[in-house]
Amino acid sequence: MNETSFGRVYAGSNGNYYTERQLERNLRSGCWTPCLRQRNPARRLVETREGNLLLVGVVSHPPPWIEIRISKGGARIVDTRVPLPE
């Protein structure tokens, strides 16, 4: 299982990747509502604010193009294939 200093890395069914801290923050803040949780393998089904279902699961080998960046808001996953807006 992939562990970083920010916890595990999760892949979402929406194509996005999340740190464990991002996942926990989205659940605590109410951005996501928990629906189901599976422990082995670690996966969660959540409902987003928009009412969509999102499945997030731990990835053992994240793709090489993701990068964990630190900012005032905490750690986040960045897709380095996409240029950042100016």
PDB file of N, CA and C in Angstrom:
ATOM      1  N   MET A   1       0.835  -1.164   0.000  1.00  0.00           N
ATOM      2  CA  MET A   1       0.000   0.000   0.000  1.00  0.00           C
ATOM      3  C   MET A   1       0.889   1.239   0.000  1.00  0.00           C
ATOM      4  N   ASN A   2       0.490   2.245  -0.735  1.00  0.00           N
ATOM      5  CA  ASN A   2       1.298   3.455  -0.859  1.00  0.00           C
ATOM      6  C   ASN A   2       1.042   4.384   0.317  1.00  0.00           C
ATOM      7  N   GLU A   3       2.068   4.617   1.125  1.00  0.00           N
ATOM      8  CA  GLU A   3       1.968   5.550   2.249  1.00  0.00           C
ATOM      9  C   GLU A   3       2.928   6.706   1.999  1.00  0.00           C
ATOM     10  N   THR A   4       2.459   7.920   2.235  1.00  0.00           N
ATOM     11  CA  THR A   4       3.309   9.099   2.175  1.00  0.00           C
ATOM     12  C   THR A   4       3.247   9.746   3.546  1.00  0.00           C
ATOM     13  N   SER A   5       3.986  10.828   3.737  1.00  0.00           N
ATOM     14  CA  SER A   5       3.889  11.537   5.014  1.00  0.00           C
ATOM     15  C   SER A   5       2.512  12.181   5.179  1.00  0.00           C
ATOM     16  N   PHE A   6       1.717  12.168   4.124  1.00  0.00           N
ATOM     17  CA  PHE A   6       0.364  12.719   4.156  1.00  0.00           C
ATOM     18  C   PHE A   6      -0.673  11.614   4.178  1.00  0.00           C
ATOM     19  N   GLY A   7      -0.246  10.390   4.424  1.00  0.00           N
ATOM     20  CA  GLY A   7      -1.163   9.256   4.439  1.00  0.00           C
ATOM     21  C   GLY A   7      -1.200   8.571   3.088  1.00  0.00           C
ATOM     22  N   ARG A   8      -2.263   7.868   2.867  1.00  0.00           N
ATOM     23  CA  ARG A   8      -2.423   7.116   1.621  1.00  0.00           C
ATOM     24  C   ARG A   8      -2.839   8.034   0.480  1.00  0.00           C
ATOM     25  N   VAL A   9      -2.648   7.534  -0.739  1.00  0.00           N
ATOM     26  CA  VAL A   9      -3.121   8.228  -1.937  1.00  0.00           C
ATOM     27  C   VAL A   9      -4.337   7.460  -2.441  1.00  0.00           C
ATOM     28  N   TYR A  10      -5.408   8.188  -2.721  1.00  0.00           N
ATOM     29  CA  TYR A  10      -6.660   7.597  -3.174  1.00  0.00           C
ATOM     30  C   TYR A  10      -6.950   8.027  -4.606  1.00  0.00           C
ATOM     31  N   ALA A  11      -7.517   7.104  -5.389  1.00  0.00           N
ATOM     32  CA  ALA A  11      -7.988   7.406  -6.740  1.00  0.00           C
ATOM     33  C   ALA A  11      -9.503   7.485  -6.687  1.00  0.00           C
ATOM     34  N   GLY A  12     -10.048   8.509  -7.323  1.00  0.00           N
ATOM     35  CA  GLY A  12     -11.496   8.673  -7.369  1.00  0.00           C
ATOM     36  C   GLY A  12     -12.064   8.183  -8.687  1.00  0.00           C
ATOM     37  N   SER A  13     -13.307   7.750  -8.660  1.00  0.00           N
ATOM     38  CA  SER A  13     -13.969   7.293  -9.882  1.00  0.00           C
ATOM     39  C   SER A  13     -14.181   8.442 -10.869  1.00  0.00           C
ATOM     40  N   ASN A  14     -13.929   9.670 -10.430  1.00  0.00           N
ATOM     41  CA  ASN A  14     -14.026  10.845 -11.300  1.00  0.00           C
ATOM     42  C   ASN A  14     -12.707  11.139 -12.016  1.00  0.00           C
ATOM     43  N   GLY A  15     -11.683  10.287 -11.789  1.00  0.00           N
ATOM     44  CA  GLY A  15     -10.387  10.479 -12.437  1.00  0.00           C
ATOM     45  C   GLY A  15      -9.416  11.320 -11.632  1.00  0.00           C
ATOM     46  N   ASN A  16      -9.848  11.867 -10.507  1.00  0.00           N
ATOM     47  CA  ASN A  16      -8.974  12.678  -9.656  1.00  0.00           C
ATOM     48  C   ASN A  16      -8.318  11.817  -8.587  1.00  0.00           C
ATOM     49  N   TYR A  17      -7.200  12.310  -8.068  1.00  0.00           N
ATOM     50  CA  TYR A  17      -6.484  11.647  -6.982  1.00  0.00           C
ATOM     51  C   TYR A  17      -6.526  12.550  -5.759  1.00  0.00           C
ATOM     52  N   TYR A  18      -6.527  11.933  -4.572  1.00  0.00           N
ATOM     53  CA  TYR A  18      -6.662  12.673  -3.323  1.00  0.00           C
ATOM     54  C   TYR A  18      -5.685  12.133  -2.287  1.00  0.00           C
ATOM     55  N   THR A  19      -5.173  13.021  -1.437  1.00  0.00           N
ATOM     56  CA  THR A  19      -4.404  12.556  -0.282  1.00  0.00           C
ATOM     57  C   THR A  19      -5.405  12.114   0.783  1.00  0.00           C
ATOM     58  N   GLU A  20      -4.922  11.364   1.744  1.00  0.00           N
ATOM     59  CA  GLU A  20      -5.792  10.931   2.836  1.00  0.00           C
ATOM     60  C   GLU A  20      -6.336  12.139   3.593  1.00  0.00           C
ATOM     61  N   ARG A  21      -5.510  13.166   3.726  1.00  0.00           N
ATOM     62  CA  ARG A  21      -5.958  14.386   4.409  1.00  0.00           C
ATOM     63  C   ARG A  21      -7.062  15.095   3.633  1.00  0.00           C
ATOM     64  N   GLN A  22      -6.949  15.127   2.300  1.00  0.00           N
ATOM     65  CA  GLN A  22      -8.005  15.738   1.495  1.00  0.00           C
ATOM     66  C   GLN A  22      -9.314  14.972   1.676  1.00  0.00           C
ATOM     67  N   LEU A  23      -9.227  13.654   1.665  1.00  0.00           N
ATOM     68  CA  LEU A  23     -10.406  12.823   1.839  1.00  0.00           C
ATOM     69  C   LEU A  23     -11.060  13.113   3.186  1.00  0.00           C
ATOM     70  N   GLU A  24     -10.269  13.114   4.247  1.00  0.00           N
ATOM     71  CA  GLU A  24     -10.803  13.374   5.588  1.00  0.00           C
ATOM     72  C   GLU A  24     -11.386  14.780   5.701  1.00  0.00           C
ATOM     73  N   ARG A  25     -10.711  15.769   5.096  1.00  0.00           N
ATOM     74  CA  ARG A  25     -11.199  17.150   5.147  1.00  0.00           C
ATOM     75  C   ARG A  25     -12.538  17.282   4.423  1.00  0.00           C
ATOM     76  N   ASN A  26     -12.661  16.639   3.251  1.00  0.00           N
ATOM     77  CA  ASN A  26     -13.924  16.701   2.513  1.00  0.00           C
ATOM     78  C   ASN A  26     -15.065  16.061   3.299  1.00  0.00           C
ATOM     79  N   LEU A  27     -14.770  14.992   4.025  1.00  0.00           N
ATOM     80  CA  LEU A  27     -15.798  14.348   4.848  1.00  0.00           C
ATOM     81  C   LEU A  27     -16.163  15.207   6.057  1.00  0.00           C
ATOM     82  N   ARG A  28     -15.162  15.750   6.740  1.00  0.00           N
ATOM     83  CA  ARG A  28     -15.418  16.574   7.938  1.00  0.00           C
ATOM     84  C   ARG A  28     -16.162  17.861   7.604  1.00  0.00           C
ATOM     85  N   SER A  29     -15.813  18.473   6.470  1.00  0.00           N
ATOM     86  CA  SER A  29     -16.401  19.768   6.114  1.00  0.00           C
ATOM     87  C   SER A  29     -17.809  19.648   5.537  1.00  0.00           C
ATOM     88  N   GLY A  30     -18.217  18.441   5.199  1.00  0.00           N
ATOM     89  CA  GLY A  30     -19.540  18.265   4.614  1.00  0.00           C
ATOM     90  C   GLY A  30     -19.556  18.339   3.103  1.00  0.00           C
ATOM     91  N   CYS A  31     -18.385  18.520   2.480  1.00  0.00           N
ATOM     92  CA  CYS A  31     -18.318  18.501   1.008  1.00  0.00           C
ATOM     93  C   CYS A  31     -18.757  17.135   0.487  1.00  0.00           C
ATOM     94  N   TRP A  32     -18.387  16.099   1.221  1.00  0.00           N
ATOM     95  CA  TRP A  32     -18.770  14.734   0.887  1.00  0.00           C
ATOM     96  C   TRP A  32     -19.531  14.138   2.061  1.00  0.00           C
ATOM     97  N   THR A  33     -20.536  13.344   1.743  1.00  0.00           N
ATOM     98  CA  THR A  33     -21.288  12.616   2.761  1.00  0.00           C
ATOM     99  C   THR A  33     -20.961  11.135   2.617  1.00  0.00           C
ATOM    100  N   PRO A  34     -20.497  10.490   3.690  1.00  0.00           N
ATOM    101  CA  PRO A  34     -20.156   9.072   3.578  1.00  0.00           C
ATOM    102  C   PRO A  34     -21.397   8.214   3.335  1.00  0.00           C
ATOM    103  N   CYS A  35     -21.259   7.242   2.443  1.00  0.00           N
ATOM    104  CA  CYS A  35     -22.347   6.298   2.164  1.00  0.00           C
ATOM    105  C   CYS A  35     -21.948   4.895   2.616  1.00  0.00           C
ATOM    106  N   LEU A  36     -20.823   4.392   2.097  1.00  0.00           N
ATOM    107  CA  LEU A  36     -20.324   3.060   2.436  1.00  0.00           C
ATOM    108  C   LEU A  36     -18.821   3.117   2.636  1.00  0.00           C
ATOM    109  N   ARG A  37     -18.323   2.214   3.489  1.00  0.00           N
ATOM    110  CA  ARG A  37     -16.876   2.135   3.709  1.00  0.00           C
ATOM    111  C   ARG A  37     -16.464   0.672   3.712  1.00  0.00           C
ATOM    112  N   GLN A  38     -15.406   0.371   2.994  1.00  0.00           N
ATOM    113  CA  GLN A  38     -14.825  -0.970   2.972  1.00  0.00           C
ATOM    114  C   GLN A  38     -13.400  -0.849   3.474  1.00  0.00           C
ATOM    115  N   ARG A  39     -12.976  -1.749   4.337  1.00  0.00           N
ATOM    116  CA  ARG A  39     -11.646  -1.650   4.935  1.00  0.00           C
ATOM    117  C   ARG A  39     -10.568  -2.388   4.154  1.00  0.00           C
ATOM    118  N   ASN A  40     -10.878  -3.497   3.507  1.00  0.00           N
ATOM    119  CA  ASN A  40      -9.839  -4.248   2.804  1.00  0.00           C
ATOM    120  C   ASN A  40     -10.371  -4.753   1.477  1.00  0.00           C
ATOM    121  N   PRO A  41     -10.011  -4.116   0.364  1.00  0.00           N
ATOM    122  CA  PRO A  41      -9.152  -2.935   0.249  1.00  0.00           C
ATOM    123  C   PRO A  41      -9.894  -1.678   0.700  1.00  0.00           C
ATOM    124  N   ALA A  42      -9.122  -0.686   1.113  1.00  0.00           N
ATOM    125  CA  ALA A  42      -9.688   0.561   1.639  1.00  0.00           C
ATOM    126  C   ALA A  42     -10.376   1.335   0.520  1.00  0.00           C
ATOM    127  N   ARG A  43     -11.699   1.408   0.613  1.00  0.00           N
ATOM    128  CA  ARG A  43     -12.494   2.158  -0.362  1.00  0.00           C
ATOM    129  C   ARG A  43     -13.650   2.828   0.365  1.00  0.00           C
ATOM    130  N   ARG A  44     -14.100   3.943  -0.204  1.00  0.00           N
ATOM    131  CA  ARG A  44     -15.266   4.650   0.338  1.00  0.00           C
ATOM    132  C   ARG A  44     -16.153   5.088  -0.812  1.00  0.00           C
ATOM    133  N   LEU A  45     -17.433   4.990  -0.582  1.00  0.00           N
ATOM    134  CA  LEU A  45     -18.417   5.541  -1.495  1.00  0.00           C
ATOM    135  C   LEU A  45     -18.992   6.759  -0.792  1.00  0.00           C
ATOM    136  N   VAL A  46     -18.914   7.913  -1.442  1.00  0.00           N
ATOM    137  CA  VAL A  46     -19.391   9.160  -0.849  1.00  0.00           C
ATOM    138  C   VAL A  46     -20.332   9.861  -1.821  1.00  0.00           C
ATOM    139  N   GLU A  47     -21.166  10.725  -1.268  1.00  0.00           N
ATOM    140  CA  GLU A  47     -22.017  11.579  -2.088  1.00  0.00           C
ATOM    141  C   GLU A  47     -21.437  12.980  -2.043  1.00  0.00           C
ATOM    142  N   THR A  48     -21.276  13.601  -3.206  1.00  0.00           N
ATOM    143  CA  THR A  48     -20.736  14.955  -3.265  1.00  0.00           C
ATOM    144  C   THR A  48     -21.856  15.963  -3.014  1.00  0.00           C
ATOM    145  N   ARG A  49     -21.489  17.215  -2.823  1.00  0.00           N
ATOM    146  CA  ARG A  49     -22.495  18.279  -2.618  1.00  0.00           C
ATOM    147  C   ARG A  49     -23.464  18.372  -3.787  1.00  0.00           C
ATOM    148  N   GLU A  50     -22.965  18.024  -4.977  1.00  0.00           N
ATOM    149  CA  GLU A  50     -23.798  18.090  -6.182  1.00  0.00           C
ATOM    150  C   GLU A  50     -24.762  16.914  -6.274  1.00  0.00           C
ATOM    151  N   GLY A  51     -24.635  15.950  -5.347  1.00  0.00           N
ATOM    152  CA  GLY A  51     -25.525  14.789  -5.360  1.00  0.00           C
ATOM    153  C   GLY A  51     -24.996  13.615  -6.158  1.00  0.00           C
ATOM    154  N   ASN A  52     -23.753  13.696  -6.615  1.00  0.00           N
ATOM    155  CA  ASN A  52     -23.144  12.597  -7.363  1.00  0.00           C
ATOM    156  C   ASN A  52     -22.490  11.603  -6.418  1.00  0.00           C
ATOM    157  N   LEU A  53     -22.441  10.336  -6.832  1.00  0.00           N
ATOM    158  CA  LEU A  53     -21.716   9.329  -6.069  1.00  0.00           C
ATOM    159  C   LEU A  53     -20.283   9.272  -6.558  1.00  0.00           C
ATOM    160  N   LEU A  54     -19.357   9.155  -5.623  1.00  0.00           N
ATOM    161  CA  LEU A  54     -17.931   9.103  -5.928  1.00  0.00           C
ATOM    162  C   LEU A  54     -17.328   7.951  -5.147  1.00  0.00           C
ATOM    163  N   LEU A  55     -16.649   7.053  -5.848  1.00  0.00           N
ATOM    164  CA  LEU A  55     -15.949   5.948  -5.204  1.00  0.00           C
ATOM    165  C   LEU A  55     -14.473   6.312  -5.144  1.00  0.00           C
ATOM    166  N   VAL A  56     -13.893   6.295  -3.948  1.00  0.00           N
ATOM    167  CA  VAL A  56     -12.462   6.565  -3.790  1.00  0.00           C
ATOM    168  C   VAL A  56     -11.821   5.348  -3.141  1.00  0.00           C
ATOM    169  N   GLY A  57     -10.676   4.948  -3.691  1.00  0.00           N
ATOM    170  CA  GLY A  57      -9.980   3.777  -3.169  1.00  0.00           C
ATOM    171  C   GLY A  57      -8.484   3.994  -3.158  1.00  0.00           C
ATOM    172  N   VAL A  58      -7.823   3.338  -2.225  1.00  0.00           N
ATOM    173  CA  VAL A  58      -6.367   3.441  -2.094  1.00  0.00           C
ATOM    174  C   VAL A  58      -5.708   2.856  -3.341  1.00  0.00           C
ATOM    175  N   VAL A  59      -4.677   3.541  -3.825  1.00  0.00           N
ATOM    176  CA  VAL A  59      -3.889   3.013  -4.942  1.00  0.00           C
ATOM    177  C   VAL A  59      -2.518   2.609  -4.421  1.00  0.00           C
ATOM    178  N   SER A  60      -2.043   1.452  -4.861  1.00  0.00           N
ATOM    179  CA  SER A  60      -0.743   0.982  -4.389  1.00  0.00           C
ATOM    180  C   SER A  60       0.396   1.611  -5.181  1.00  0.00           C
ATOM    181  N   HIS A  61       0.143   1.953  -6.431  1.00  0.00           N
ATOM    182  CA  HIS A  61       1.176   2.575  -7.263  1.00  0.00           C
ATOM    183  C   HIS A  61       0.566   3.759  -8.001  1.00  0.00           C
ATOM    184  N   PRO A  62       0.623   4.953  -7.398  1.00  0.00           N
ATOM    185  CA  PRO A  62       0.060   6.119  -8.092  1.00  0.00           C
ATOM    186  C   PRO A  62       0.827   6.392  -9.384  1.00  0.00           C
ATOM    187  N   PRO A  63       0.165   6.960 -10.369  1.00  0.00           N
ATOM    188  CA  PRO A  63       0.846   7.257 -11.628  1.00  0.00           C
ATOM    189  C   PRO A  63       1.994   8.241 -11.412  1.00  0.00           C
ATOM    190  N   PRO A  64       3.024   8.167 -12.244  1.00  0.00           N
ATOM    191  CA  PRO A  64       4.197   9.027 -12.052  1.00  0.00           C
ATOM    192  C   PRO A  64       3.918  10.510 -12.269  1.00  0.00           C
ATOM    193  N   TRP A  65       2.807  10.855 -12.888  1.00  0.00           N
ATOM    194  CA  TRP A  65       2.514  12.257 -13.184  1.00  0.00           C
ATOM    195  C   TRP A  65       1.789  12.974 -12.056  1.00  0.00           C
ATOM    196  N   ILE A  66       1.477  12.284 -10.944  1.00  0.00           N
ATOM    197  CA  ILE A  66       0.887  13.028  -9.830  1.00  0.00           C
ATOM    198  C   ILE A  66       1.983  13.491  -8.890  1.00  0.00           C
ATOM    199  N   GLU A  67       1.730  14.621  -8.285  1.00  0.00           N
ATOM    200  CA  GLU A  67       2.692  15.237  -7.375  1.00  0.00           C
ATOM    201  C   GLU A  67       1.922  15.744  -6.160  1.00  0.00           C
ATOM    202  N   ILE A  68       2.498  15.587  -4.974  1.00  0.00           N
ATOM    203  CA  ILE A  68       1.875  16.123  -3.769  1.00  0.00           C
ATOM    204  C   ILE A  68       2.501  17.479  -3.499  1.00  0.00           C
ATOM    205  N   ARG A  69       1.659  18.502  -3.441  1.00  0.00           N
ATOM    206  CA  ARG A  69       2.143  19.867  -3.193  1.00  0.00           C
ATOM    207  C   ARG A  69       1.557  20.389  -1.892  1.00  0.00           C
ATOM    208  N   ILE A  70       2.367  21.203  -1.214  1.00  0.00           N
ATOM    209  CA  ILE A  70       1.966  21.781   0.063  1.00  0.00           C
ATOM    210  C   ILE A  70       1.636  23.254  -0.153  1.00  0.00           C
ATOM    211  N   SER A  71       0.521  23.687   0.416  1.00  0.00           N
ATOM    212  CA  SER A  71       0.155  25.103   0.383  1.00  0.00           C
ATOM    213  C   SER A  71      -0.475  25.437   1.730  1.00  0.00           C
ATOM    214  N   LYS A  72      -0.959  26.648   1.867  1.00  0.00           N
ATOM    215  CA  LYS A  72      -1.585  27.047   3.133  1.00  0.00           C
ATOM    216  C   LYS A  72      -2.769  26.152   3.479  1.00  0.00           C
ATOM    217  N   GLY A  73      -3.454  25.658   2.467  1.00  0.00           N
ATOM    218  CA  GLY A  73      -4.610  24.798   2.693  1.00  0.00           C
ATOM    219  C   GLY A  73      -4.254  23.363   3.007  1.00  0.00           C
ATOM    220  N   GLY A  74      -2.974  23.020   2.990  1.00  0.00           N
ATOM    221  CA  GLY A  74      -2.541  21.650   3.269  1.00  0.00           C
ATOM    222  C   GLY A  74      -1.998  20.974   2.026  1.00  0.00           C
ATOM    223  N   ALA A  75      -1.885  19.668   2.096  1.00  0.00           N
ATOM    224  CA  ALA A  75      -1.346  18.885   0.987  1.00  0.00           C
ATOM    225  C   ALA A  75      -2.450  18.599  -0.026  1.00  0.00           C
ATOM    226  N   ARG A  76      -2.080  18.612  -1.302  1.00  0.00           N
ATOM    227  CA  ARG A  76      -3.038  18.278  -2.352  1.00  0.00           C
ATOM    228  C   ARG A  76      -2.311  17.580  -3.486  1.00  0.00           C
ATOM    229  N   ILE A  77      -3.048  16.828  -4.258  1.00  0.00           N
ATOM    230  CA  ILE A  77      -2.506  16.114  -5.410  1.00  0.00           C
ATOM    231  C   ILE A  77      -2.627  17.025  -6.626  1.00  0.00           C
ATOM    232  N   VAL A  78      -1.559  17.091  -7.415  1.00  0.00           N
ATOM    233  CA  VAL A  78      -1.554  17.898  -8.633  1.00  0.00           C
ATOM    234  C   VAL A  78      -1.231  16.993  -9.813  1.00  0.00           C
ATOM    235  N   ASP A  79      -1.994  17.143 -10.885  1.00  0.00           N
ATOM    236  CA  ASP A  79      -1.735  16.431 -12.139  1.00  0.00           C
ATOM    237  C   ASP A  79      -0.706  17.247 -12.907  1.00  0.00           C
ATOM    238  N   THR A  80       0.524  16.750 -12.997  1.00  0.00           N
ATOM    239  CA  THR A  80       1.598  17.513 -13.639  1.00  0.00           C
ATOM    240  C   THR A  80       1.522  17.460 -15.159  1.00  0.00           C
ATOM    241  N   ARG A  81       0.589  16.679 -15.714  1.00  0.00           N
ATOM    242  CA  ARG A  81       0.430  16.644 -17.170  1.00  0.00           C
ATOM    243  C   ARG A  81      -0.300  17.877 -17.671  1.00  0.00           C
ATOM    244  N   VAL A  82      -1.084  18.499 -16.808  1.00  0.00           N
ATOM    245  CA  VAL A  82      -1.912  19.638 -17.198  1.00  0.00           C
ATOM    246  C   VAL A  82      -1.218  20.921 -16.769  1.00  0.00           C
ATOM    247  N   PRO A  83      -1.008  21.883 -17.687  1.00  0.00           N
ATOM    248  CA  PRO A  83      -0.392  23.148 -17.276  1.00  0.00           C
ATOM    249  C   PRO A  83      -1.291  23.901 -16.302  1.00  0.00           C
ATOM    250  N   LEU A  84      -0.680  24.514 -15.296  1.00  0.00           N
ATOM    251  CA  LEU A  84      -1.425  25.293 -14.311  1.00  0.00           C
ATOM    252  C   LEU A  84      -1.893  26.606 -14.926  1.00  0.00           C
ATOM    253  N   PRO A  85      -3.098  27.071 -14.570  1.00  0.00           N
ATOM    254  CA  PRO A  85      -3.566  28.362 -15.095  1.00  0.00           C
ATOM    255  C   PRO A  85      -2.718  29.495 -14.538  1.00  0.00           C
ATOM    256  N   GLU A  86      -2.553  30.505 -15.348  1.00  0.00           N
ATOM    257  CA  GLU A  86      -1.728  31.649 -14.915  1.00  0.00           C
ATOM    258  C   GLU A  86      -2.542  32.664 -14.173  1.00  0.00           C
TER     259      GLU A  86
END
